[in-house]
N, C-alpha and C. Protein backbone atom coordinates (compact mmCIF):
# COMPACT_ATOMS: atom_id res chain seq x y z
N MET A 1 -19.85 -16.29 83.12
CA MET A 1 -18.75 -15.37 83.32
C MET A 1 -19.28 -14.00 83.72
N LYS A 2 -18.71 -13.43 84.77
CA LYS A 2 -19.05 -12.07 85.15
C LYS A 2 -18.09 -11.10 84.46
N TRP A 3 -18.64 -10.07 83.90
CA TRP A 3 -17.85 -9.12 83.11
C TRP A 3 -17.11 -8.12 84.00
N ASN A 4 -15.92 -7.77 83.58
CA ASN A 4 -15.12 -6.71 84.20
C ASN A 4 -14.74 -5.77 83.07
N LEU A 5 -15.27 -4.56 83.11
CA LEU A 5 -15.08 -3.61 82.02
C LEU A 5 -14.45 -2.32 82.51
N THR A 6 -13.80 -1.63 81.59
CA THR A 6 -13.27 -0.30 81.87
C THR A 6 -14.07 0.71 81.07
N VAL A 7 -14.46 1.79 81.73
CA VAL A 7 -15.18 2.88 81.09
C VAL A 7 -14.43 4.17 81.34
N ALA A 8 -14.17 4.92 80.28
CA ALA A 8 -13.53 6.23 80.42
C ALA A 8 -14.43 7.30 79.85
N MET A 9 -14.47 8.44 80.52
CA MET A 9 -15.14 9.63 80.00
C MET A 9 -14.07 10.68 79.81
N THR A 10 -14.07 11.33 78.64
CA THR A 10 -13.06 12.34 78.36
C THR A 10 -13.73 13.70 78.14
N GLY A 11 -12.96 14.65 77.67
CA GLY A 11 -13.44 16.03 77.63
C GLY A 11 -14.31 16.41 76.45
N ALA A 12 -14.74 15.45 75.65
CA ALA A 12 -15.65 15.76 74.55
C ALA A 12 -17.06 16.01 75.10
N SER A 13 -17.85 16.75 74.35
CA SER A 13 -19.24 16.95 74.73
C SER A 13 -20.00 15.63 74.65
N GLY A 14 -21.01 15.49 75.50
CA GLY A 14 -21.82 14.28 75.49
C GLY A 14 -21.79 13.53 76.80
N ALA A 15 -21.72 14.25 77.90
CA ALA A 15 -21.65 13.62 79.22
C ALA A 15 -22.86 12.73 79.50
N VAL A 16 -24.01 13.07 78.94
CA VAL A 16 -25.21 12.28 79.17
C VAL A 16 -25.04 10.85 78.66
N PHE A 17 -24.26 10.67 77.61
CA PHE A 17 -24.02 9.33 77.07
C PHE A 17 -23.18 8.51 78.05
N GLY A 18 -22.15 9.13 78.63
CA GLY A 18 -21.34 8.44 79.62
C GLY A 18 -22.13 8.06 80.85
N ARG A 19 -23.01 8.97 81.29
CA ARG A 19 -23.86 8.67 82.45
C ARG A 19 -24.78 7.48 82.16
N GLU A 20 -25.41 7.47 81.00
CA GLU A 20 -26.32 6.37 80.66
C GLU A 20 -25.57 5.05 80.54
N LEU A 21 -24.32 5.09 80.09
CA LEU A 21 -23.51 3.87 80.01
C LEU A 21 -23.26 3.31 81.41
N LEU A 22 -22.87 4.18 82.34
CA LEU A 22 -22.63 3.72 83.70
C LEU A 22 -23.91 3.19 84.36
N LEU A 23 -25.02 3.84 84.11
CA LEU A 23 -26.29 3.38 84.67
C LEU A 23 -26.65 1.99 84.16
N ALA A 24 -26.48 1.77 82.86
CA ALA A 24 -26.82 0.47 82.27
C ALA A 24 -25.90 -0.63 82.80
N LEU A 25 -24.60 -0.35 82.87
CA LEU A 25 -23.66 -1.36 83.35
C LEU A 25 -23.87 -1.67 84.83
N ASP A 26 -24.17 -0.63 85.61
CA ASP A 26 -24.40 -0.84 87.04
C ASP A 26 -25.62 -1.72 87.28
N ALA A 27 -26.62 -1.62 86.41
CA ALA A 27 -27.86 -2.39 86.57
C ALA A 27 -27.75 -3.79 85.98
N ASP A 28 -26.73 -4.05 85.19
CA ASP A 28 -26.61 -5.33 84.48
C ASP A 28 -26.01 -6.39 85.40
N VAL A 29 -26.77 -7.45 85.67
CA VAL A 29 -26.32 -8.49 86.60
C VAL A 29 -25.15 -9.30 86.05
N ARG A 30 -24.89 -9.20 84.75
CA ARG A 30 -23.76 -9.92 84.15
C ARG A 30 -22.43 -9.21 84.41
N VAL A 31 -22.50 -7.98 84.88
CA VAL A 31 -21.30 -7.16 85.09
C VAL A 31 -20.94 -7.16 86.56
N ALA A 32 -19.70 -7.55 86.85
CA ALA A 32 -19.23 -7.61 88.24
C ALA A 32 -18.54 -6.32 88.66
N GLN A 33 -17.76 -5.72 87.74
CA GLN A 33 -17.01 -4.53 88.11
C GLN A 33 -16.82 -3.62 86.91
N ILE A 34 -16.89 -2.33 87.17
CA ILE A 34 -16.62 -1.31 86.17
C ILE A 34 -15.51 -0.42 86.71
N ASN A 35 -14.38 -0.40 86.02
CA ASN A 35 -13.29 0.52 86.37
C ASN A 35 -13.53 1.81 85.59
N PHE A 36 -13.84 2.86 86.32
CA PHE A 36 -14.29 4.13 85.72
C PHE A 36 -13.20 5.18 85.83
N ILE A 37 -12.79 5.72 84.67
CA ILE A 37 -11.75 6.76 84.64
C ILE A 37 -12.32 8.03 84.03
N PRO A 38 -12.66 9.02 84.84
CA PRO A 38 -13.03 10.33 84.28
C PRO A 38 -11.76 11.16 84.10
N SER A 39 -11.55 11.70 82.92
CA SER A 39 -10.39 12.55 82.71
C SER A 39 -10.60 13.89 83.40
N GLU A 40 -9.51 14.62 83.58
CA GLU A 40 -9.63 15.96 84.17
C GLU A 40 -10.54 16.84 83.33
N SER A 41 -10.41 16.74 82.01
CA SER A 41 -11.25 17.56 81.13
C SER A 41 -12.71 17.18 81.21
N SER A 42 -12.99 15.90 81.48
CA SER A 42 -14.39 15.46 81.56
C SER A 42 -15.11 16.11 82.74
N LEU A 43 -14.35 16.44 83.78
CA LEU A 43 -14.98 17.06 84.95
C LEU A 43 -15.61 18.40 84.60
N ARG A 44 -14.95 19.15 83.72
CA ARG A 44 -15.52 20.44 83.30
C ARG A 44 -16.77 20.22 82.46
N VAL A 45 -16.73 19.22 81.57
CA VAL A 45 -17.90 18.93 80.74
C VAL A 45 -19.07 18.49 81.61
N LEU A 46 -18.79 17.64 82.61
CA LEU A 46 -19.84 17.20 83.52
C LEU A 46 -20.46 18.38 84.26
N ALA A 47 -19.63 19.33 84.66
CA ALA A 47 -20.14 20.50 85.36
C ALA A 47 -21.02 21.35 84.46
N GLU A 48 -20.61 21.49 83.19
CA GLU A 48 -21.36 22.35 82.28
C GLU A 48 -22.63 21.68 81.74
N GLU A 49 -22.54 20.37 81.46
CA GLU A 49 -23.67 19.71 80.80
C GLU A 49 -24.64 19.04 81.77
N LEU A 50 -24.13 18.56 82.90
CA LEU A 50 -24.99 17.86 83.86
C LEU A 50 -25.07 18.56 85.22
N GLN A 51 -24.39 19.70 85.34
CA GLN A 51 -24.35 20.46 86.60
C GLN A 51 -23.84 19.62 87.76
N LEU A 52 -22.85 18.77 87.48
CA LEU A 52 -22.20 17.96 88.52
C LEU A 52 -20.78 18.49 88.71
N SER A 53 -20.47 18.89 89.93
CA SER A 53 -19.16 19.48 90.15
C SER A 53 -18.31 18.62 91.06
N GLY A 54 -17.00 18.62 90.78
CA GLY A 54 -16.05 17.95 91.64
C GLY A 54 -15.84 16.49 91.34
N ARG A 55 -14.71 15.97 91.81
CA ARG A 55 -14.35 14.57 91.61
C ARG A 55 -14.88 13.67 92.73
N ASN A 56 -15.02 14.25 93.94
CA ASN A 56 -15.45 13.45 95.09
C ASN A 56 -16.88 12.94 94.91
N GLN A 57 -17.05 11.65 95.18
CA GLN A 57 -18.36 10.98 95.07
C GLN A 57 -19.00 11.19 93.70
N LEU A 58 -18.16 11.21 92.67
CA LEU A 58 -18.67 11.47 91.32
C LEU A 58 -19.62 10.37 90.86
N VAL A 59 -19.30 9.12 91.14
CA VAL A 59 -20.17 8.02 90.72
C VAL A 59 -21.55 8.15 91.34
N GLU A 60 -21.58 8.47 92.63
CA GLU A 60 -22.86 8.63 93.31
C GLU A 60 -23.66 9.79 92.72
N LYS A 61 -22.95 10.86 92.34
CA LYS A 61 -23.63 12.00 91.71
C LYS A 61 -24.19 11.61 90.34
N LEU A 62 -23.41 10.85 89.56
CA LEU A 62 -23.85 10.46 88.22
C LEU A 62 -25.05 9.52 88.27
N LEU A 63 -25.02 8.57 89.19
CA LEU A 63 -26.07 7.55 89.27
C LEU A 63 -27.22 7.94 90.21
N SER A 64 -27.03 9.00 90.98
CA SER A 64 -27.99 9.42 92.01
C SER A 64 -28.16 8.35 93.08
N LYS A 65 -27.11 7.53 93.24
CA LYS A 65 -27.10 6.49 94.27
C LYS A 65 -25.69 5.92 94.34
N PRO A 66 -25.33 5.28 95.45
CA PRO A 66 -24.02 4.63 95.51
C PRO A 66 -23.99 3.39 94.62
N SER A 67 -22.78 2.96 94.25
CA SER A 67 -22.63 1.75 93.46
C SER A 67 -21.56 0.86 94.08
N SER A 68 -21.87 -0.42 94.19
CA SER A 68 -20.89 -1.37 94.71
C SER A 68 -20.03 -1.95 93.59
N LYS A 69 -20.38 -1.66 92.33
CA LYS A 69 -19.66 -2.21 91.18
C LYS A 69 -18.63 -1.26 90.59
N ILE A 70 -18.89 0.03 90.68
CA ILE A 70 -18.07 1.00 89.95
C ILE A 70 -16.93 1.49 90.83
N VAL A 71 -15.72 1.29 90.33
CA VAL A 71 -14.51 1.74 91.02
C VAL A 71 -13.95 2.93 90.26
N GLN A 72 -13.93 4.09 90.90
CA GLN A 72 -13.42 5.29 90.24
C GLN A 72 -11.91 5.36 90.37
N LEU A 73 -11.23 5.59 89.24
CA LEU A 73 -9.79 5.68 89.19
C LEU A 73 -9.36 7.03 88.64
N SER A 74 -8.18 7.47 89.02
CA SER A 74 -7.63 8.72 88.51
C SER A 74 -6.86 8.45 87.23
N GLU A 75 -6.96 9.36 86.27
CA GLU A 75 -6.23 9.16 85.02
C GLU A 75 -4.72 9.22 85.22
N SER A 76 -4.28 9.73 86.36
CA SER A 76 -2.84 9.78 86.65
C SER A 76 -2.33 8.50 87.32
N ASP A 77 -3.24 7.58 87.66
CA ASP A 77 -2.86 6.36 88.38
C ASP A 77 -2.39 5.28 87.40
N ILE A 78 -1.17 5.43 86.89
CA ILE A 78 -0.67 4.49 85.89
C ILE A 78 -0.28 3.15 86.51
N GLY A 79 -0.36 3.03 87.84
CA GLY A 79 -0.09 1.76 88.52
C GLY A 79 -1.35 0.97 88.80
N ALA A 80 -2.49 1.42 88.32
CA ALA A 80 -3.75 0.71 88.54
C ALA A 80 -3.73 -0.64 87.83
N GLY A 81 -4.58 -1.57 88.29
CA GLY A 81 -4.61 -2.91 87.72
C GLY A 81 -4.82 -2.93 86.22
N ILE A 82 -5.71 -2.06 85.72
CA ILE A 82 -6.04 -2.07 84.30
C ILE A 82 -4.90 -1.60 83.41
N ALA A 83 -3.80 -1.13 84.02
CA ALA A 83 -2.63 -0.72 83.24
C ALA A 83 -1.77 -1.91 82.85
N SER A 84 -2.14 -3.11 83.30
CA SER A 84 -1.36 -4.31 83.01
C SER A 84 -2.18 -5.32 82.22
N GLY A 85 -1.54 -5.97 81.27
CA GLY A 85 -2.22 -7.00 80.49
C GLY A 85 -2.59 -8.22 81.29
N SER A 86 -1.97 -8.42 82.45
CA SER A 86 -2.29 -9.58 83.28
C SER A 86 -3.59 -9.39 84.06
N TYR A 87 -4.09 -8.16 84.10
CA TYR A 87 -5.34 -7.88 84.80
C TYR A 87 -6.51 -8.41 83.97
N PRO A 88 -7.41 -9.20 84.56
CA PRO A 88 -8.52 -9.77 83.79
C PRO A 88 -9.56 -8.72 83.43
N SER A 89 -9.83 -8.57 82.16
CA SER A 89 -10.78 -7.58 81.68
C SER A 89 -11.41 -8.06 80.39
N GLN A 90 -12.67 -7.69 80.19
CA GLN A 90 -13.36 -8.06 78.96
C GLN A 90 -13.42 -6.90 77.96
N GLY A 91 -12.73 -5.80 78.26
CA GLY A 91 -12.69 -4.72 77.29
C GLY A 91 -12.88 -3.35 77.90
N MET A 92 -12.94 -2.35 77.01
CA MET A 92 -12.97 -0.95 77.42
C MET A 92 -13.83 -0.14 76.45
N ILE A 93 -14.56 0.80 77.02
CA ILE A 93 -15.37 1.74 76.24
C ILE A 93 -14.98 3.15 76.64
N VAL A 94 -14.68 3.99 75.66
CA VAL A 94 -14.40 5.41 75.92
C VAL A 94 -15.58 6.19 75.35
N LEU A 95 -16.39 6.77 76.24
CA LEU A 95 -17.62 7.46 75.85
C LEU A 95 -17.89 8.62 76.78
N PRO A 96 -17.83 9.85 76.26
CA PRO A 96 -17.41 10.23 74.92
C PRO A 96 -15.88 10.23 74.79
N CYS A 97 -15.40 10.06 73.56
CA CYS A 97 -13.96 10.02 73.30
C CYS A 97 -13.56 11.29 72.55
N SER A 98 -12.73 12.10 73.17
CA SER A 98 -12.26 13.32 72.53
C SER A 98 -11.24 13.00 71.45
N MET A 99 -11.00 13.95 70.57
CA MET A 99 -10.00 13.76 69.53
C MET A 99 -8.59 13.69 70.12
N GLY A 100 -8.36 14.38 71.23
CA GLY A 100 -7.06 14.29 71.90
C GLY A 100 -6.81 12.89 72.44
N THR A 101 -7.83 12.30 73.07
CA THR A 101 -7.69 10.93 73.58
C THR A 101 -7.53 9.95 72.43
N LEU A 102 -8.31 10.12 71.37
CA LEU A 102 -8.17 9.28 70.18
C LEU A 102 -6.73 9.34 69.67
N GLY A 103 -6.17 10.56 69.56
CA GLY A 103 -4.81 10.71 69.05
C GLY A 103 -3.79 10.01 69.92
N GLY A 104 -3.95 10.12 71.23
CA GLY A 104 -3.03 9.46 72.14
C GLY A 104 -3.08 7.95 72.02
N ILE A 105 -4.31 7.41 71.90
CA ILE A 105 -4.49 5.96 71.77
C ILE A 105 -3.97 5.48 70.41
N ALA A 106 -4.33 6.20 69.35
CA ALA A 106 -3.96 5.78 68.00
C ALA A 106 -2.45 5.75 67.80
N ASN A 107 -1.75 6.62 68.51
CA ASN A 107 -0.30 6.71 68.34
C ASN A 107 0.48 6.07 69.48
N GLY A 108 -0.21 5.32 70.34
CA GLY A 108 0.46 4.53 71.37
C GLY A 108 1.20 5.35 72.41
N LEU A 109 0.69 6.54 72.74
CA LEU A 109 1.42 7.42 73.65
C LEU A 109 1.36 6.96 75.11
N ALA A 110 0.23 6.42 75.53
CA ALA A 110 0.07 5.89 76.90
C ALA A 110 0.53 6.89 77.96
N ARG A 111 0.12 8.15 77.81
CA ARG A 111 0.55 9.22 78.73
C ARG A 111 -0.20 9.21 80.04
N ASN A 112 -1.35 8.54 80.09
CA ASN A 112 -2.17 8.50 81.30
C ASN A 112 -2.87 7.15 81.36
N LEU A 113 -3.68 6.95 82.40
CA LEU A 113 -4.31 5.64 82.59
C LEU A 113 -5.32 5.32 81.48
N ILE A 114 -6.03 6.32 80.96
CA ILE A 114 -6.98 6.07 79.89
C ILE A 114 -6.26 5.53 78.66
N GLU A 115 -5.20 6.23 78.26
CA GLU A 115 -4.46 5.80 77.08
C GLU A 115 -3.75 4.47 77.31
N ARG A 116 -3.22 4.26 78.52
CA ARG A 116 -2.52 3.00 78.82
C ARG A 116 -3.49 1.83 78.85
N ALA A 117 -4.66 2.00 79.48
CA ALA A 117 -5.65 0.92 79.53
C ALA A 117 -6.12 0.57 78.12
N ALA A 118 -6.29 1.57 77.27
CA ALA A 118 -6.68 1.32 75.88
C ALA A 118 -5.57 0.58 75.15
N ASP A 119 -4.32 0.98 75.39
CA ASP A 119 -3.17 0.33 74.78
C ASP A 119 -3.11 -1.15 75.18
N VAL A 120 -3.43 -1.41 76.45
CA VAL A 120 -3.45 -2.79 76.93
C VAL A 120 -4.52 -3.59 76.19
N CYS A 121 -5.70 -3.02 76.00
CA CYS A 121 -6.76 -3.72 75.26
C CYS A 121 -6.29 -4.07 73.85
N LEU A 122 -5.61 -3.14 73.21
CA LEU A 122 -5.16 -3.40 71.85
C LEU A 122 -4.11 -4.50 71.81
N LYS A 123 -3.14 -4.44 72.72
CA LYS A 123 -2.08 -5.44 72.68
C LYS A 123 -2.56 -6.82 73.10
N GLU A 124 -3.60 -6.87 73.94
CA GLU A 124 -4.15 -8.14 74.39
C GLU A 124 -5.33 -8.60 73.53
N CYS A 125 -5.61 -7.85 72.46
CA CYS A 125 -6.71 -8.18 71.53
C CYS A 125 -8.06 -8.25 72.24
N ARG A 126 -8.29 -7.29 73.14
CA ARG A 126 -9.58 -7.18 73.83
C ARG A 126 -10.41 -6.08 73.16
N PRO A 127 -11.72 -6.14 73.28
CA PRO A 127 -12.55 -5.11 72.68
C PRO A 127 -12.22 -3.71 73.21
N LEU A 128 -12.10 -2.76 72.29
CA LEU A 128 -11.90 -1.35 72.63
C LEU A 128 -12.81 -0.54 71.73
N LEU A 129 -13.82 0.10 72.33
CA LEU A 129 -14.75 0.92 71.57
C LEU A 129 -14.46 2.39 71.86
N LEU A 130 -14.18 3.13 70.81
CA LEU A 130 -13.91 4.56 70.93
C LEU A 130 -15.11 5.32 70.35
N CYS A 131 -15.91 5.87 71.24
CA CYS A 131 -17.12 6.59 70.83
C CYS A 131 -16.76 8.05 70.63
N VAL A 132 -16.22 8.33 69.44
CA VAL A 132 -15.68 9.65 69.14
C VAL A 132 -16.79 10.67 69.01
N ARG A 133 -16.46 11.90 69.40
CA ARG A 133 -17.47 12.96 69.46
C ARG A 133 -16.84 14.25 68.96
N GLU A 134 -17.01 14.51 67.67
CA GLU A 134 -16.47 15.73 67.06
C GLU A 134 -17.12 15.90 65.70
N THR A 135 -17.20 17.13 65.25
CA THR A 135 -17.63 17.41 63.88
C THR A 135 -17.27 18.84 63.53
N PRO A 136 -16.82 19.10 62.32
CA PRO A 136 -16.44 18.13 61.30
C PRO A 136 -15.09 17.50 61.64
N PHE A 137 -14.74 16.42 60.97
CA PHE A 137 -13.44 15.78 61.15
C PHE A 137 -12.42 16.41 60.22
N ASN A 138 -11.23 16.67 60.75
CA ASN A 138 -10.15 17.07 59.85
C ASN A 138 -9.34 15.83 59.48
N LYS A 139 -8.33 15.98 58.64
CA LYS A 139 -7.58 14.82 58.18
C LYS A 139 -6.81 14.14 59.30
N ILE A 140 -6.39 14.90 60.30
CA ILE A 140 -5.70 14.30 61.44
C ILE A 140 -6.66 13.38 62.20
N HIS A 141 -7.89 13.85 62.43
CA HIS A 141 -8.89 13.02 63.10
C HIS A 141 -9.13 11.72 62.33
N LEU A 142 -9.32 11.86 61.03
CA LEU A 142 -9.60 10.70 60.19
C LEU A 142 -8.42 9.73 60.17
N ARG A 143 -7.22 10.27 60.10
CA ARG A 143 -6.03 9.42 60.09
C ARG A 143 -5.90 8.67 61.42
N ASN A 144 -6.15 9.38 62.52
CA ASN A 144 -6.06 8.72 63.83
C ASN A 144 -7.12 7.65 64.01
N MET A 145 -8.33 7.89 63.48
CA MET A 145 -9.36 6.86 63.53
C MET A 145 -8.92 5.63 62.73
N SER A 146 -8.30 5.87 61.59
CA SER A 146 -7.81 4.76 60.77
C SER A 146 -6.70 4.00 61.49
N TYR A 147 -5.77 4.73 62.11
CA TYR A 147 -4.69 4.07 62.87
C TYR A 147 -5.26 3.20 63.99
N ALA A 148 -6.22 3.77 64.73
CA ALA A 148 -6.80 3.03 65.86
C ALA A 148 -7.56 1.80 65.37
N ALA A 149 -8.31 1.95 64.27
CA ALA A 149 -9.05 0.82 63.72
C ALA A 149 -8.09 -0.26 63.21
N ASP A 150 -7.00 0.15 62.57
CA ASP A 150 -6.01 -0.81 62.10
C ASP A 150 -5.39 -1.59 63.25
N ALA A 151 -5.29 -0.95 64.42
CA ALA A 151 -4.70 -1.60 65.59
C ALA A 151 -5.69 -2.51 66.32
N GLY A 152 -6.97 -2.44 65.94
CA GLY A 152 -7.96 -3.33 66.54
C GLY A 152 -9.11 -2.65 67.25
N ALA A 153 -9.10 -1.32 67.35
CA ALA A 153 -10.20 -0.61 68.01
C ALA A 153 -11.41 -0.55 67.09
N VAL A 154 -12.59 -0.41 67.71
CA VAL A 154 -13.82 -0.16 66.97
C VAL A 154 -14.14 1.33 67.11
N ILE A 155 -14.25 2.02 65.99
CA ILE A 155 -14.64 3.43 66.02
C ILE A 155 -16.16 3.47 65.99
N PHE A 156 -16.75 3.94 67.08
CA PHE A 156 -18.20 3.89 67.26
C PHE A 156 -18.69 5.32 67.52
N PRO A 157 -18.79 6.14 66.47
CA PRO A 157 -19.13 7.56 66.65
C PRO A 157 -20.44 7.76 67.39
N VAL A 158 -20.52 8.82 68.15
CA VAL A 158 -21.74 9.14 68.88
C VAL A 158 -22.74 9.71 67.87
N MET A 159 -23.47 8.78 67.27
CA MET A 159 -24.50 9.13 66.28
C MET A 159 -25.80 8.45 66.69
N PRO A 160 -26.59 9.11 67.51
CA PRO A 160 -27.84 8.49 67.99
C PRO A 160 -28.84 8.31 66.86
N SER A 161 -29.75 7.37 67.06
CA SER A 161 -30.79 7.11 66.06
C SER A 161 -32.04 7.93 66.38
N PHE A 162 -32.86 8.13 65.35
CA PHE A 162 -34.09 8.90 65.51
C PHE A 162 -35.32 8.11 65.05
N TYR A 163 -35.11 6.97 64.37
CA TYR A 163 -36.25 6.22 63.85
C TYR A 163 -37.08 5.59 64.97
N ASN A 164 -36.53 5.55 66.19
CA ASN A 164 -37.30 5.04 67.33
C ASN A 164 -38.07 6.15 68.04
N LEU A 165 -38.01 7.37 67.49
CA LEU A 165 -38.74 8.54 68.00
C LEU A 165 -38.48 8.78 69.48
N PRO A 166 -37.22 9.05 69.87
CA PRO A 166 -36.92 9.29 71.28
C PRO A 166 -37.66 10.52 71.80
N ALA A 167 -38.16 10.42 73.01
CA ALA A 167 -38.94 11.51 73.59
C ALA A 167 -38.07 12.53 74.31
N SER A 168 -36.80 12.20 74.54
CA SER A 168 -35.92 13.11 75.27
C SER A 168 -34.47 12.81 74.91
N ALA A 169 -33.58 13.73 75.28
CA ALA A 169 -32.15 13.53 75.05
C ALA A 169 -31.65 12.33 75.86
N THR A 170 -32.21 12.14 77.03
CA THR A 170 -31.81 11.01 77.87
C THR A 170 -32.18 9.69 77.21
N GLU A 171 -33.39 9.60 76.67
CA GLU A 171 -33.82 8.37 75.99
C GLU A 171 -32.95 8.12 74.76
N MET A 172 -32.63 9.18 74.03
CA MET A 172 -31.78 9.05 72.85
C MET A 172 -30.40 8.53 73.25
N ALA A 173 -29.85 9.07 74.35
CA ALA A 173 -28.55 8.62 74.83
C ALA A 173 -28.60 7.17 75.29
N ALA A 174 -29.67 6.80 75.97
CA ALA A 174 -29.79 5.43 76.46
C ALA A 174 -29.85 4.43 75.31
N GLN A 175 -30.59 4.75 74.26
CA GLN A 175 -30.67 3.84 73.12
C GLN A 175 -29.33 3.71 72.39
N PHE A 176 -28.58 4.80 72.34
CA PHE A 176 -27.23 4.71 71.76
C PHE A 176 -26.36 3.78 72.61
N VAL A 177 -26.42 3.95 73.91
CA VAL A 177 -25.65 3.11 74.83
C VAL A 177 -26.04 1.64 74.66
N PHE A 178 -27.32 1.36 74.47
CA PHE A 178 -27.76 -0.02 74.28
C PHE A 178 -27.10 -0.62 73.03
N ARG A 179 -26.94 0.17 71.99
CA ARG A 179 -26.28 -0.31 70.77
C ARG A 179 -24.80 -0.59 71.04
N VAL A 180 -24.17 0.27 71.81
CA VAL A 180 -22.76 0.07 72.17
C VAL A 180 -22.61 -1.25 72.94
N LEU A 181 -23.46 -1.45 73.93
CA LEU A 181 -23.35 -2.65 74.76
C LEU A 181 -23.71 -3.92 73.98
N ALA A 182 -24.66 -3.83 73.07
CA ALA A 182 -24.97 -4.99 72.23
C ALA A 182 -23.76 -5.35 71.37
N HIS A 183 -23.03 -4.35 70.95
CA HIS A 183 -21.86 -4.60 70.09
C HIS A 183 -20.78 -5.40 70.81
N ILE A 184 -20.64 -5.21 72.11
CA ILE A 184 -19.60 -5.96 72.84
C ILE A 184 -20.14 -7.25 73.45
N GLY A 185 -21.43 -7.54 73.23
CA GLY A 185 -21.98 -8.80 73.71
C GLY A 185 -22.82 -8.69 74.96
N LEU A 186 -23.29 -7.48 75.28
CA LEU A 186 -24.16 -7.28 76.44
C LEU A 186 -25.47 -6.61 76.00
N PRO A 187 -26.30 -7.32 75.22
CA PRO A 187 -27.57 -6.73 74.81
C PRO A 187 -28.42 -6.37 76.03
N GLN A 188 -29.15 -5.27 75.91
CA GLN A 188 -29.90 -4.74 77.04
C GLN A 188 -31.40 -4.85 76.84
N PRO A 189 -32.14 -5.13 77.93
CA PRO A 189 -33.61 -5.09 77.82
C PRO A 189 -34.04 -3.65 77.55
N GLY A 190 -35.05 -3.51 76.74
CA GLY A 190 -35.54 -2.17 76.43
C GLY A 190 -34.87 -1.56 75.21
N ALA A 191 -33.92 -2.27 74.60
CA ALA A 191 -33.26 -1.74 73.40
C ALA A 191 -34.23 -1.78 72.23
N TYR A 192 -34.26 -0.70 71.47
CA TYR A 192 -35.12 -0.66 70.29
C TYR A 192 -34.47 -1.45 69.17
N VAL A 193 -35.23 -2.34 68.55
CA VAL A 193 -34.73 -3.14 67.42
C VAL A 193 -35.59 -2.89 66.20
N TRP A 194 -34.96 -2.45 65.13
CA TRP A 194 -35.69 -2.20 63.90
C TRP A 194 -36.15 -3.52 63.30
N LYS A 195 -37.43 -3.64 63.00
CA LYS A 195 -37.98 -4.89 62.50
C LYS A 195 -38.32 -4.83 61.02
N GLY A 196 -38.12 -3.68 60.39
CA GLY A 196 -38.43 -3.58 58.98
C GLY A 196 -39.92 -3.55 58.73
N GLU A 197 -40.27 -3.75 57.47
CA GLU A 197 -41.70 -3.72 57.09
C GLU A 197 -42.40 -4.98 57.60
N GLU A 198 -43.48 -4.79 58.29
CA GLU A 198 -44.27 -5.94 58.77
C GLU A 198 -45.22 -6.41 57.68
């Protein structure tokens, strides 16, 4: 089976994690298509954190090369295929996931394509990973995480590991992404695996 996944980037800090996710999925031969939705707010974060400006050719800017797998969609395109449960998909990852996006998903608002595609995953019982990025959490954040988890989402906070001694922020982000992909059934070569005491 070739995988068809949806990836959303929202306005939370952590653009490097979203970039590493797209790079890993683009390189994975098991993945046929990635429907990529950058929110309007994510564009500002991308400009500030990765010095990438504008929506045009965003995928090529993120990957430093064109991609035949990644289809960029607008968050206002509520008529896109992924807005329907009849569209074949193996799940969705929101990385990074802002608290605003979490709130919209947790409360079933479906105000844009990101929230609607997530809502479709929940109603069709497909994997939905929300890689939330905020600290500290207030009670509204915690309640929304609980609502989303109760509905079937996996709350996968952006908490990178350090026991593998990452040499750079990029390596740290890549290893976190590998854990995300292993969780949905796409283990990656090069992923660090803790082996315990030898």
